Amino acid sequence: MAMKPRFDGQPALEAYGDGGFRLAGQRFEGSLIVTPLGVYPWDMRSLSDVTMDSLAPVMEAVGTFDFLIVGSGETAASLPEDVYRRLTSEDVFPDVMTTGPACRTYNLMMSENRRVAAALIAVI
């Protein structure tokens, strides 16, 4: 069953921190997945907890983006190896970095009209 987005469309990230994000003037608490299909809550606090099920909104959007930016929170981390292998087998090549640089990279790519999605762990 498809997950319903909390916000339709793909706005730029206006702010991050304090446990959430601001997009299009709206505050979103917690971690987020942002795809061309919408903005989705993402109940993640660590990349080590990521599963393919938790990435369902990303997988539903395959074909609508060319780049997947993954924000790992305040510290550098990697996706679980099985998740990384599964994503790459679906021609999704995640670029993992801490959340601050991930937000800036996402916004830069959006400003260049590039097709991008993001999975971002909130930071305090």
Protein backbone atom coordinates (compact mmCIF):
# COMPACT_ATOMS: atom_id res chain seq x y z
CA MET A 1 0.00 0.00 0.00
CA ALA A 2 1.39 3.39 -0.97
CA MET A 3 2.22 5.77 1.83
CA LYS A 4 0.45 9.15 1.69
CA PRO A 5 2.82 12.12 1.70
CA ARG A 6 2.49 14.79 4.39
CA PHE A 7 3.12 17.42 1.74
CA ASP A 8 2.60 17.21 -2.02
CA GLY A 9 5.39 18.30 -4.32
CA GLN A 10 9.05 18.83 -3.64
CA PRO A 11 9.95 22.08 -1.89
CA ALA A 12 13.44 23.25 -1.01
CA LEU A 13 14.67 22.72 2.55
CA GLU A 14 14.51 26.11 4.27
CA ALA A 15 15.97 25.04 7.62
CA TYR A 16 17.05 21.99 9.60
CA GLY A 17 17.87 21.32 13.23
CA ASP A 18 16.03 21.33 16.54
CA GLY A 19 14.76 17.84 15.73
CA GLY A 20 13.12 18.61 12.40
CA PHE A 21 13.01 20.56 9.15
CA ARG A 22 11.21 23.53 7.58
CA LEU A 23 9.95 23.25 4.02
CA ALA A 24 7.65 25.74 2.25
CA GLY A 25 7.13 27.61 5.51
CA GLN A 26 5.97 24.49 7.35
CA ARG A 27 7.75 22.82 10.26
CA PHE A 28 8.12 19.03 10.08
CA GLU A 29 9.17 17.21 13.24
CA GLY A 30 11.55 14.27 12.97
CA SER A 31 13.31 12.68 10.04
CA LEU A 32 11.98 12.99 6.47
CA ILE A 33 12.02 11.46 3.04
CA VAL A 34 11.60 14.00 0.24
CA THR A 35 10.92 12.77 -3.30
CA PRO A 36 9.35 14.35 -6.39
CA LEU A 37 6.12 12.65 -5.23
CA GLY A 38 6.04 14.39 -1.83
CA VAL A 39 7.38 14.70 1.70
CA TYR A 40 7.03 11.69 4.01
CA PRO A 41 7.70 11.15 7.71
CA TRP A 42 10.64 8.79 8.28
CA ASP A 43 10.85 7.18 11.70
CA MET A 44 14.65 6.93 11.72
CA ARG A 45 17.20 8.08 14.25
CA SER A 46 20.18 6.15 12.89
CA LEU A 47 21.20 4.82 9.48
CA SER A 48 21.92 1.46 11.12
CA ASP A 49 18.12 1.07 11.57
CA VAL A 50 17.28 1.69 7.89
CA THR A 51 15.49 -1.13 6.08
CA MET A 52 14.10 -1.43 2.60
CA ASP A 53 10.60 -1.20 4.13
CA SER A 54 11.51 2.13 5.74
CA LEU A 55 12.61 3.37 2.31
CA ALA A 56 9.27 2.51 0.65
CA PRO A 57 8.58 6.15 -0.39
CA VAL A 58 11.99 6.25 -2.11
CA MET A 59 11.33 2.99 -3.93
CA GLU A 60 7.85 4.13 -5.00
CA ALA A 61 9.49 7.20 -6.57
CA VAL A 62 12.18 5.31 -8.52
CA GLY A 63 12.24 6.75 -12.03
CA THR A 64 11.30 10.27 -10.87
CA PHE A 65 14.77 11.10 -9.52
CA ASP A 66 18.36 10.55 -10.60
CA PHE A 67 20.13 11.21 -7.30
CA LEU A 68 19.42 10.04 -3.74
CA ILE A 69 20.99 12.14 -0.99
CA VAL A 70 21.03 10.48 2.45
CA GLY A 71 21.60 12.55 5.58
CA SER A 72 23.06 10.44 8.38
CA GLY A 73 22.37 12.86 11.24
CA GLU A 74 25.15 14.67 13.11
CA THR A 75 27.80 11.98 12.58
CA ALA A 76 29.01 10.21 9.47
CA ALA A 77 27.56 6.73 9.00
CA SER A 78 26.82 4.21 6.28
CA LEU A 79 23.67 2.46 5.21
CA PRO A 80 23.44 -1.20 6.20
CA GLU A 81 25.25 -3.25 3.54
CA ASP A 82 22.13 -5.26 2.57
CA VAL A 83 20.14 -2.03 2.05
CA TYR A 84 22.93 -0.46 0.02
CA ARG A 85 23.21 -3.57 -2.19
CA ARG A 86 19.44 -3.69 -2.74
CA LEU A 87 19.28 0.02 -3.64
CA THR A 88 22.13 -0.26 -6.14
CA SER A 89 20.53 -3.37 -7.67
CA GLU A 90 17.53 -1.11 -8.39
CA ASP A 91 19.84 1.50 -9.98
CA VAL A 92 19.53 3.81 -6.96
CA PHE A 93 22.98 5.01 -5.89
CA PRO A 94 22.78 6.77 -2.52
CA ASP A 95 25.21 9.54 -1.66
CA VAL A 96 25.52 9.43 2.15
CA MET A 97 26.77 12.40 4.19
CA THR A 98 25.87 14.11 7.46
CA THR A 99 22.51 15.90 7.43
CA GLY A 100 23.83 19.49 7.16
CA PRO A 101 25.78 18.90 3.95
CA ALA A 102 22.95 16.64 2.70
CA CYS A 103 20.46 19.51 3.02
CA ARG A 104 22.80 21.92 1.23
CA THR A 105 23.49 19.39 -1.55
CA TYR A 106 19.77 18.68 -1.97
CA ASN A 107 18.99 22.41 -2.25
CA LEU A 108 21.85 22.99 -4.71
CA MET A 109 20.64 20.14 -6.91
CA MET A 110 17.05 21.44 -6.73
CA SER A 111 18.26 24.93 -7.73
CA GLU A 112 19.95 23.34 -10.76
CA ASN A 113 16.66 21.61 -11.69
CA ARG A 114 18.22 18.19 -11.15
CA ARG A 115 16.01 15.25 -10.28
CA VAL A 116 16.86 14.51 -6.67
CA ALA A 117 15.36 12.74 -3.64
CA ALA A 118 16.55 12.81 -0.03
CA ALA A 119 16.27 10.68 3.09
CA LEU A 120 17.28 12.86 6.03
CA ILE A 121 17.79 12.00 9.69
CA ALA A 122 16.85 14.97 11.88
CA VAL A 123 19.49 16.64 14.02
CA ILE A 124 19.09 18.56 17.29
